[in-house]
Amino acid sequence: MSFSNNKVKINRKLDLSRLPVHIGIILDGNGRWATRKGLPRNMGHKAGCENVKRIVQHIYDLGIKCATFFMFSTENWKRPKEEVDGIFNIVREYLGESAEQFVEKGVKISTMGDITKLPDDLFNKLVECVAKTAKCSKFNLNLAINYGGRDEIIRAVNQIVENGQKLNNIDEFKQYLYSKDLPDPDFIIRTSGEMRISNFMLYQMAYSEFYFTPTLWPDFSEKELQKALINFQNRKRRFGGLNKS
């Protein structure tokens, strides 16, 4: 996480009392960022990981309580093995250098997805980070790795069937999701100009607000994040009802 004492200037239009509780980020565009610079795609993922550190710190400094980063999807296994291995190496490095700071800063690590399919050492590192930070409560950093929204729903339904349980309400269904201990995301950000959700938190984003930006993930700065949050604050969230005004 590489916390630093560098404070980013806050846009005066951003109301720190009306921030989302949970942000979901689809960090897209690492490969294209590298290609445009004539670099190997894994250099883009490396740059993307460095930006995760910056944006996580800024979210933490703003006082937002939870953020989910879509790191690796169930569909990403279709990519070349070299690229997949490179992504996993970057995640290993990130967790290795940040583990102690997570505890020090009160950052709870959680995961979404079937991490048992990951390489053993990466799986063990994730389990270790989750266990070490279980009692932290200042900020929840949720990593979606080998995650797919459809797979999550199928997994939940299968567990319900196996338990022979009859559900009475939506809240009971939520208890079978990876995100059972998290609030649903208020705000979903996707970088790189793609305007789709790519199988991300399909169930949880029923009433999320969406923000799409053409900026590639490695270039998505703290200033861009604040711009997105100001956009979020200018929206009227009705949750199926009517405006009171």
C-alpha atoms as a PDB file:
ATOM      1  CA  MET A   1       0.000   0.000   0.000  1.00  0.00           C
ATOM      2  CA  SER A   2       3.022   2.202   0.549  1.00  0.00           C
ATOM      3  CA  PHE A   3       1.326   4.873   2.648  1.00  0.00           C
ATOM      4  CA  SER A   4       3.056   8.221   2.528  1.00  0.00           C
ATOM      5  CA  ASN A   5       2.568  11.559   4.221  1.00  0.00           C
ATOM      6  CA  ASN A   6       1.936  13.299   0.929  1.00  0.00           C
ATOM      7  CA  LYS A   7      -1.482  14.918   1.083  1.00  0.00           C
ATOM      8  CA  VAL A   8      -3.370  15.559  -2.142  1.00  0.00           C
ATOM      9  CA  LYS A   9      -5.170  18.875  -2.458  1.00  0.00           C
ATOM     10  CA  ILE A  10      -8.942  18.482  -2.126  1.00  0.00           C
ATOM     11  CA  ASN A  11     -11.158  20.073  -4.762  1.00  0.00           C
ATOM     12  CA  ARG A  12     -13.318  22.686  -3.031  1.00  0.00           C
ATOM     13  CA  LYS A  13     -16.372  21.313  -4.862  1.00  0.00           C
ATOM     14  CA  LEU A  14     -16.010  17.921  -3.167  1.00  0.00           C
ATOM     15  CA  ASP A  15     -18.219  17.569  -0.080  1.00  0.00           C
ATOM     16  CA  LEU A  16     -16.372  15.239   2.303  1.00  0.00           C
ATOM     17  CA  SER A  17     -19.583  14.724   4.282  1.00  0.00           C
ATOM     18  CA  ARG A  18     -21.389  13.111   1.323  1.00  0.00           C
ATOM     19  CA  LEU A  19     -18.972  10.510   0.072  1.00  0.00           C
ATOM     20  CA  PRO A  20     -20.041   7.007  -0.986  1.00  0.00           C
ATOM     21  CA  VAL A  21     -19.573   4.308   1.626  1.00  0.00           C
ATOM     22  CA  HIS A  22     -18.372   1.701  -0.882  1.00  0.00           C
ATOM     23  CA  ILE A  23     -16.670   2.311  -4.239  1.00  0.00           C
ATOM     24  CA  GLY A  24     -16.151  -0.420  -6.822  1.00  0.00           C
ATOM     25  CA  ILE A  25     -13.444   0.141  -9.444  1.00  0.00           C
ATOM     26  CA  ILE A  26     -12.994  -1.775 -12.695  1.00  0.00           C
ATOM     27  CA  LEU A  27      -9.361  -0.921 -13.421  1.00  0.00           C
ATOM     28  CA  ASP A  28      -9.126  -1.249 -17.168  1.00  0.00           C
ATOM     29  CA  GLY A  29      -6.588  -0.138 -19.750  1.00  0.00           C
ATOM     30  CA  ASN A  30      -3.244  -1.321 -18.379  1.00  0.00           C
ATOM     31  CA  GLY A  31      -2.367  -3.265 -21.530  1.00  0.00           C
ATOM     32  CA  ARG A  32      -3.368  -0.457 -23.875  1.00  0.00           C
ATOM     33  CA  TRP A  33      -1.390   2.028 -21.781  1.00  0.00           C
ATOM     34  CA  ALA A  34       1.736  -0.097 -22.264  1.00  0.00           C
ATOM     35  CA  THR A  35       1.102  -0.748 -25.961  1.00  0.00           C
ATOM     36  CA  ARG A  36       0.752   2.957 -26.688  1.00  0.00           C
ATOM     37  CA  LYS A  37       4.145   3.497 -25.089  1.00  0.00           C
ATOM     38  CA  GLY A  38       5.760   0.620 -26.984  1.00  0.00           C
ATOM     39  CA  LEU A  39       6.136  -1.433 -23.791  1.00  0.00           C
ATOM     40  CA  PRO A  40       5.236  -5.065 -22.961  1.00  0.00           C
ATOM     41  CA  ARG A  41       1.701  -5.428 -21.616  1.00  0.00           C
ATOM     42  CA  ASN A  42       2.972  -6.546 -18.208  1.00  0.00           C
ATOM     43  CA  MET A  43       4.658  -3.166 -17.814  1.00  0.00           C
ATOM     44  CA  GLY A  44       1.169  -1.730 -18.026  1.00  0.00           C
ATOM     45  CA  HIS A  45       0.008  -4.030 -15.235  1.00  0.00           C
ATOM     46  CA  LYS A  46       3.022  -2.943 -13.177  1.00  0.00           C
ATOM     47  CA  ALA A  47       2.095   0.709 -13.707  1.00  0.00           C
ATOM     48  CA  GLY A  48      -1.504  -0.160 -12.893  1.00  0.00           C
ATOM     49  CA  CYS A  49      -0.453  -1.707  -9.586  1.00  0.00           C
ATOM     50  CA  GLU A  50       1.505   1.421  -8.672  1.00  0.00           C
ATOM     51  CA  ASN A  51      -1.650   3.409  -9.351  1.00  0.00           C
ATOM     52  CA  VAL A  52      -3.691   1.073  -7.151  1.00  0.00           C
ATOM     53  CA  LYS A  53      -1.382   2.083  -4.300  1.00  0.00           C
ATOM     54  CA  ARG A  54      -1.920   5.790  -4.974  1.00  0.00           C
ATOM     55  CA  ILE A  55      -5.691   5.555  -5.362  1.00  0.00           C
ATOM     56  CA  VAL A  56      -6.136   3.260  -2.356  1.00  0.00           C
ATOM     57  CA  GLN A  57      -4.256   5.753  -0.214  1.00  0.00           C
ATOM     58  CA  HIS A  58      -6.365   8.651  -1.505  1.00  0.00           C
ATOM     59  CA  ILE A  59      -9.614   6.777  -0.884  1.00  0.00           C
ATOM     60  CA  TYR A  60      -8.335   6.007   2.615  1.00  0.00           C
ATOM     61  CA  ASP A  61      -7.349   9.649   3.220  1.00  0.00           C
ATOM     62  CA  LEU A  62     -10.769  10.876   2.080  1.00  0.00           C
ATOM     63  CA  GLY A  63     -12.409   8.705   4.741  1.00  0.00           C
ATOM     64  CA  ILE A  64     -14.318   6.353   2.444  1.00  0.00           C
ATOM     65  CA  LYS A  65     -14.916   3.116   4.319  1.00  0.00           C
ATOM     66  CA  CYS A  66     -14.753   0.447   1.616  1.00  0.00           C
ATOM     67  CA  ALA A  67     -13.381  -0.068  -1.887  1.00  0.00           C
ATOM     68  CA  THR A  68     -13.460  -3.099  -4.157  1.00  0.00           C
ATOM     69  CA  PHE A  69     -10.824  -3.352  -6.890  1.00  0.00           C
ATOM     70  CA  PHE A  70     -11.492  -5.727  -9.797  1.00  0.00           C
ATOM     71  CA  MET A  71      -7.997  -7.212 -10.152  1.00  0.00           C
ATOM     72  CA  PHE A  72      -8.525 -10.435 -12.135  1.00  0.00           C
ATOM     73  CA  SER A  73     -11.727 -11.882 -13.567  1.00  0.00           C
ATOM     74  CA  THR A  74     -12.761 -15.467 -14.225  1.00  0.00           C
ATOM     75  CA  GLU A  75     -12.464 -14.597 -17.923  1.00  0.00           C
ATOM     76  CA  ASN A  76      -8.898 -13.280 -17.641  1.00  0.00           C
ATOM     77  CA  TRP A  77      -7.546 -16.844 -17.683  1.00  0.00           C
ATOM     78  CA  LYS A  78      -8.046 -16.653 -21.469  1.00  0.00           C
ATOM     79  CA  ARG A  79      -5.093 -14.263 -21.712  1.00  0.00           C
ATOM     80  CA  PRO A  80      -1.562 -15.497 -22.526  1.00  0.00           C
ATOM     81  CA  LYS A  81       0.054 -17.388 -19.638  1.00  0.00           C
ATOM     82  CA  GLU A  82       2.925 -14.915 -19.521  1.00  0.00           C
ATOM     83  CA  GLU A  83       0.505 -12.045 -18.920  1.00  0.00           C
ATOM     84  CA  VAL A  84      -1.491 -13.971 -16.301  1.00  0.00           C
ATOM     85  CA  ASP A  85       1.698 -14.920 -14.454  1.00  0.00           C
ATOM     86  CA  GLY A  86       2.833 -11.310 -14.617  1.00  0.00           C
ATOM     87  CA  ILE A  87      -0.411 -10.084 -13.048  1.00  0.00           C
ATOM     88  CA  PHE A  88      -0.087 -12.619 -10.228  1.00  0.00           C
ATOM     89  CA  ASN A  89       3.535 -11.602  -9.615  1.00  0.00           C
ATOM     90  CA  ILE A  90       2.464  -7.979  -9.271  1.00  0.00           C
ATOM     91  CA  VAL A  91      -0.271  -8.886  -6.773  1.00  0.00           C
ATOM     92  CA  ARG A  92       2.272 -10.945  -4.788  1.00  0.00           C
ATOM     93  CA  GLU A  93       4.626  -7.995  -4.660  1.00  0.00           C
ATOM     94  CA  TYR A  94       1.863  -5.616  -3.604  1.00  0.00           C
ATOM     95  CA  LEU A  95       0.695  -7.832  -0.759  1.00  0.00           C
ATOM     96  CA  GLY A  96       4.217  -8.618   0.364  1.00  0.00           C
ATOM     97  CA  GLU A  97       5.351  -5.018   0.680  1.00  0.00           C
ATOM     98  CA  SER A  98       2.100  -3.722   2.178  1.00  0.00           C
ATOM     99  CA  ALA A  99       1.052  -6.402   4.697  1.00  0.00           C
ATOM    100  CA  GLU A 100       2.485  -4.717   7.786  1.00  0.00           C
ATOM    101  CA  GLN A 101       1.141  -1.310   6.779  1.00  0.00           C
ATOM    102  CA  PHE A 102      -2.345  -2.736   6.397  1.00  0.00           C
ATOM    103  CA  VAL A 103      -2.382  -3.622  10.090  1.00  0.00           C
ATOM    104  CA  GLU A 104      -0.699  -0.380  11.149  1.00  0.00           C
ATOM    105  CA  LYS A 105      -3.228   1.766   9.272  1.00  0.00           C
ATOM    106  CA  GLY A 106      -6.311  -0.272  10.227  1.00  0.00           C
ATOM    107  CA  VAL A 107      -6.921  -1.665   6.737  1.00  0.00           C
ATOM    108  CA  LYS A 108      -8.962  -4.843   6.587  1.00  0.00           C
ATOM    109  CA  ILE A 109      -8.277  -7.030   3.547  1.00  0.00           C
ATOM    110  CA  SER A 110     -11.064  -9.177   2.125  1.00  0.00           C
ATOM    111  CA  THR A 111     -11.409 -11.062  -1.146  1.00  0.00           C
ATOM    112  CA  MET A 112     -14.088 -11.905  -3.684  1.00  0.00           C
ATOM    113  CA  GLY A 113     -13.727 -14.850  -6.039  1.00  0.00           C
ATOM    114  CA  ASP A 114     -12.484 -18.412  -5.966  1.00  0.00           C
ATOM    115  CA  ILE A 115      -8.943 -17.811  -4.767  1.00  0.00           C
ATOM    116  CA  THR A 116      -8.367 -21.558  -4.350  1.00  0.00           C
ATOM    117  CA  LYS A 117      -7.696 -21.655  -8.110  1.00  0.00           C
ATOM    118  CA  LEU A 118      -4.746 -19.270  -7.744  1.00  0.00           C
ATOM    119  CA  PRO A 119      -1.120 -20.435  -7.406  1.00  0.00           C
ATOM    120  CA  ASP A 120      -0.547 -21.871  -3.936  1.00  0.00           C
ATOM    121  CA  ASP A 121       1.825 -19.167  -2.735  1.00  0.00           C
ATOM    122  CA  LEU A 122      -0.508 -16.365  -3.830  1.00  0.00           C
ATOM    123  CA  PHE A 123      -3.472 -18.123  -2.237  1.00  0.00           C
ATOM    124  CA  ASN A 124      -1.523 -18.483   1.014  1.00  0.00           C
ATOM    125  CA  LYS A 125      -0.474 -14.828   0.951  1.00  0.00           C
ATOM    126  CA  LEU A 126      -4.079 -13.694   0.497  1.00  0.00           C
ATOM    127  CA  VAL A 127      -5.295 -15.953   3.310  1.00  0.00           C
ATOM    128  CA  GLU A 128      -2.511 -14.622   5.536  1.00  0.00           C
ATOM    129  CA  CYS A 129      -3.401 -10.976   4.810  1.00  0.00           C
ATOM    130  CA  VAL A 130      -7.092 -11.618   5.446  1.00  0.00           C
ATOM    131  CA  ALA A 131      -6.318 -13.298   8.774  1.00  0.00           C
ATOM    132  CA  LYS A 132      -3.811 -10.656   9.933  1.00  0.00           C
ATOM    133  CA  THR A 133      -6.183  -7.779   9.222  1.00  0.00           C
ATOM    134  CA  ALA A 134      -9.435  -9.411  10.357  1.00  0.00           C
ATOM    135  CA  LYS A 135      -9.831  -7.054  13.328  1.00  0.00           C
ATOM    136  CA  CYS A 136      -8.978  -3.873  11.427  1.00  0.00           C
ATOM    137  CA  SER A 137     -11.923  -1.542  10.974  1.00  0.00           C
ATOM    138  CA  LYS A 138     -10.847   1.846   9.582  1.00  0.00           C
ATOM    139  CA  PHE A 139     -10.997   0.852   5.916  1.00  0.00           C
ATOM    140  CA  ASN A 140     -11.940  -2.308   4.013  1.00  0.00           C
ATOM    141  CA  LEU A 141      -9.902  -3.063   0.893  1.00  0.00           C
ATOM    142  CA  ASN A 142     -11.719  -5.804  -0.998  1.00  0.00           C
ATOM    143  CA  LEU A 143      -9.783  -7.522  -3.793  1.00  0.00           C
ATOM    144  CA  ALA A 144     -11.796  -9.239  -6.532  1.00  0.00           C
ATOM    145  CA  ILE A 145      -9.443 -11.941  -7.852  1.00  0.00           C
ATOM    146  CA  ASN A 146     -10.611 -14.833 -10.026  1.00  0.00           C
ATOM    147  CA  TYR A 147     -14.027 -13.250  -9.603  1.00  0.00           C
ATOM    148  CA  GLY A 148     -17.099 -13.255 -11.828  1.00  0.00           C
ATOM    149  CA  GLY A 149     -20.568 -12.021 -10.934  1.00  0.00           C
ATOM    150  CA  ARG A 150     -22.353 -14.913 -12.655  1.00  0.00           C
ATOM    151  CA  ASP A 151     -20.111 -17.464 -10.951  1.00  0.00           C
ATOM    152  CA  GLU A 152     -20.824 -15.842  -7.605  1.00  0.00           C
ATOM    153  CA  ILE A 153     -24.586 -16.125  -8.106  1.00  0.00           C
ATOM    154  CA  ILE A 154     -24.347 -19.765  -9.257  1.00  0.00           C
ATOM    155  CA  ARG A 155     -22.147 -20.544  -6.254  1.00  0.00           C
ATOM    156  CA  ALA A 156     -24.711 -18.983  -3.918  1.00  0.00           C
ATOM    157  CA  VAL A 157     -27.617 -20.891  -5.470  1.00  0.00           C
ATOM    158  CA  ASN A 158     -25.709 -24.193  -5.276  1.00  0.00           C
ATOM    159  CA  GLN A 159     -24.955 -23.624  -1.600  1.00  0.00           C
ATOM    160  CA  ILE A 160     -28.600 -22.870  -0.898  1.00  0.00           C
ATOM    161  CA  VAL A 161     -29.665 -26.059  -2.691  1.00  0.00           C
ATOM    162  CA  GLU A 162     -27.049 -28.111  -0.851  1.00  0.00           C
ATOM    163  CA  ASN A 163     -28.312 -26.737   2.455  1.00  0.00           C
ATOM    164  CA  GLY A 164     -31.890 -27.523   1.484  1.00  0.00           C
ATOM    165  CA  GLN A 165     -32.863 -24.022   2.574  1.00  0.00           C
ATOM    166  CA  LYS A 166     -35.943 -22.081   1.544  1.00  0.00           C
ATOM    167  CA  LEU A 167     -35.245 -18.362   1.469  1.00  0.00           C
ATOM    168  CA  ASN A 168     -37.749 -15.866   2.784  1.00  0.00           C
ATOM    169  CA  ASN A 169     -36.137 -12.619   1.653  1.00  0.00           C
ATOM    170  CA  ILE A 170     -33.286 -11.006  -0.246  1.00  0.00           C
ATOM    171  CA  ASP A 171     -31.171 -10.506   2.868  1.00  0.00           C
ATOM    172  CA  GLU A 172     -31.004 -14.273   3.352  1.00  0.00           C
ATOM    173  CA  PHE A 173     -29.685 -14.678  -0.207  1.00  0.00           C
ATOM    174  CA  LYS A 174     -27.001 -12.049   0.396  1.00  0.00           C
ATOM    175  CA  GLN A 175     -25.518 -14.223   3.125  1.00  0.00           C
ATOM    176  CA  TYR A 176     -24.324 -16.647   0.438  1.00  0.00           C
ATOM    177  CA  LEU A 177     -22.404 -14.036  -1.543  1.00  0.00           C
ATOM    178  CA  TYR A 178     -18.682 -13.294  -1.262  1.00  0.00           C
ATOM    179  CA  SER A 179     -19.670  -9.772  -0.248  1.00  0.00           C
ATOM    180  CA  LYS A 180     -21.973 -10.826   2.591  1.00  0.00           C
ATOM    181  CA  ASP A 181     -20.093  -8.660   5.111  1.00  0.00           C
ATOM    182  CA  LEU A 182     -19.885  -5.588   2.855  1.00  0.00           C
ATOM    183  CA  PRO A 183     -22.416  -2.891   1.981  1.00  0.00           C
ATOM    184  CA  ASP A 184     -23.486  -2.860  -1.655  1.00  0.00           C
ATOM    185  CA  PRO A 185     -21.385  -0.450  -3.739  1.00  0.00           C
ATOM    186  CA  ASP A 186     -22.824   3.049  -4.032  1.00  0.00           C
ATOM    187  CA  PHE A 187     -20.549   3.995  -6.900  1.00  0.00           C
ATOM    188  CA  ILE A 188     -18.889   2.010  -9.709  1.00  0.00           C
ATOM    189  CA  ILE A 189     -16.020   3.523 -11.697  1.00  0.00           C
ATOM    190  CA  ARG A 190     -14.652   2.040 -14.912  1.00  0.00           C
ATOM    191  CA  THR A 191     -11.590   3.414 -16.644  1.00  0.00           C
ATOM    192  CA  SER A 192     -10.360   3.170 -20.284  1.00  0.00           C
ATOM    193  CA  GLY A 193     -13.516   4.227 -22.106  1.00  0.00           C
ATOM    194  CA  GLU A 194     -15.245   0.832 -22.137  1.00  0.00           C
ATOM    195  CA  MET A 195     -18.906   1.233 -21.179  1.00  0.00           C
ATOM    196  CA  ARG A 196     -19.790  -2.166 -19.780  1.00  0.00           C
ATOM    197  CA  ILE A 197     -19.637  -3.866 -16.392  1.00  0.00           C
ATOM    198  CA  SER A 198     -17.823  -7.052 -17.490  1.00  0.00           C
ATOM    199  CA  ASN A 199     -19.411  -9.463 -15.021  1.00  0.00           C
ATOM    200  CA  PHE A 200     -18.534  -7.334 -11.987  1.00  0.00           C
ATOM    201  CA  MET A 201     -20.747  -7.488  -8.871  1.00  0.00           C
ATOM    202  CA  LEU A 202     -23.879  -8.157 -10.929  1.00  0.00           C
ATOM    203  CA  TYR A 203     -26.103  -8.724  -7.917  1.00  0.00           C
ATOM    204  CA  GLN A 204     -24.675  -6.024  -5.658  1.00  0.00           C
ATOM    205  CA  MET A 205     -24.852  -3.120  -8.119  1.00  0.00           C
ATOM    206  CA  ALA A 206     -28.655  -3.071  -8.428  1.00  0.00           C
ATOM    207  CA  TYR A 207     -28.765   0.583  -7.305  1.00  0.00           C
ATOM    208  CA  SER A 208     -25.165   1.646  -7.877  1.00  0.00           C
ATOM    209  CA  GLU A 209     -24.314   4.839  -9.714  1.00  0.00           C
ATOM    210  CA  PHE A 210     -21.926   4.386 -12.672  1.00  0.00           C
ATOM    211  CA  TYR A 211     -19.078   6.524 -13.926  1.00  0.00           C
ATOM    212  CA  PHE A 212     -17.157   5.786 -17.141  1.00  0.00           C
ATOM    213  CA  THR A 213     -13.992   7.653 -18.053  1.00  0.00           C
ATOM    214  CA  PRO A 214     -11.754   7.350 -21.147  1.00  0.00           C
ATOM    215  CA  THR A 215      -8.665   7.659 -18.928  1.00  0.00           C
ATOM    216  CA  LEU A 216      -6.585   4.475 -18.872  1.00  0.00           C
ATOM    217  CA  TRP A 217      -6.139   3.052 -15.380  1.00  0.00           C
ATOM    218  CA  PRO A 218      -2.415   3.888 -14.920  1.00  0.00           C
ATOM    219  CA  ASP A 219      -3.274   7.548 -15.673  1.00  0.00           C
ATOM    220  CA  PHE A 220      -6.331   7.695 -13.397  1.00  0.00           C
ATOM    221  CA  SER A 221      -5.106  10.195 -10.811  1.00  0.00           C
ATOM    222  CA  GLU A 222      -6.354  11.409  -7.434  1.00  0.00           C
ATOM    223  CA  LYS A 223      -7.668  14.479  -9.260  1.00  0.00           C
ATOM    224  CA  GLU A 224      -9.658  12.224 -11.609  1.00  0.00           C
ATOM    225  CA  LEU A 225     -11.056  10.324  -8.632  1.00  0.00           C
ATOM    226  CA  GLN A 226     -12.228  13.568  -7.039  1.00  0.00           C
ATOM    227  CA  LYS A 227     -13.838  14.586 -10.341  1.00  0.00           C
ATOM    228  CA  ALA A 228     -15.734  11.281 -10.364  1.00  0.00           C
ATOM    229  CA  LEU A 229     -16.848  11.743  -6.753  1.00  0.00           C
ATOM    230  CA  ILE A 230     -18.124  15.257  -7.478  1.00  0.00           C
ATOM    231  CA  ASN A 231     -20.123  13.798 -10.361  1.00  0.00           C
ATOM    232  CA  PHE A 232     -21.561  11.208  -7.938  1.00  0.00           C
ATOM    233  CA  GLN A 233     -22.561  13.927  -5.476  1.00  0.00           C
ATOM    234  CA  ASN A 234     -24.473  15.812  -8.171  1.00  0.00           C
ATOM    235  CA  ARG A 235     -26.809  12.885  -8.794  1.00  0.00           C
ATOM    236  CA  LYS A 236     -30.187  12.244  -7.163  1.00  0.00           C
ATOM    237  CA  ARG A 237     -30.469   8.691  -5.861  1.00  0.00           C
ATOM    238  CA  ARG A 238     -34.097   7.592  -5.617  1.00  0.00           C
ATOM    239  CA  PHE A 239     -33.811   3.797  -5.209  1.00  0.00           C
ATOM    240  CA  GLY A 240     -37.055   3.334  -7.131  1.00  0.00           C
ATOM    241  CA  GLY A 241     -38.901   6.152  -5.340  1.00  0.00           C
ATOM    242  CA  LEU A 242     -39.522   9.800  -6.174  1.00  0.00           C
ATOM    243  CA  ASN A 243     -37.566  12.918  -5.355  1.00  0.00           C
ATOM    244  CA  LYS A 244     -38.830  14.572  -2.185  1.00  0.00           C
ATOM    245  CA  SER A 245     -38.171  18.027  -3.560  1.00  0.00           C
END
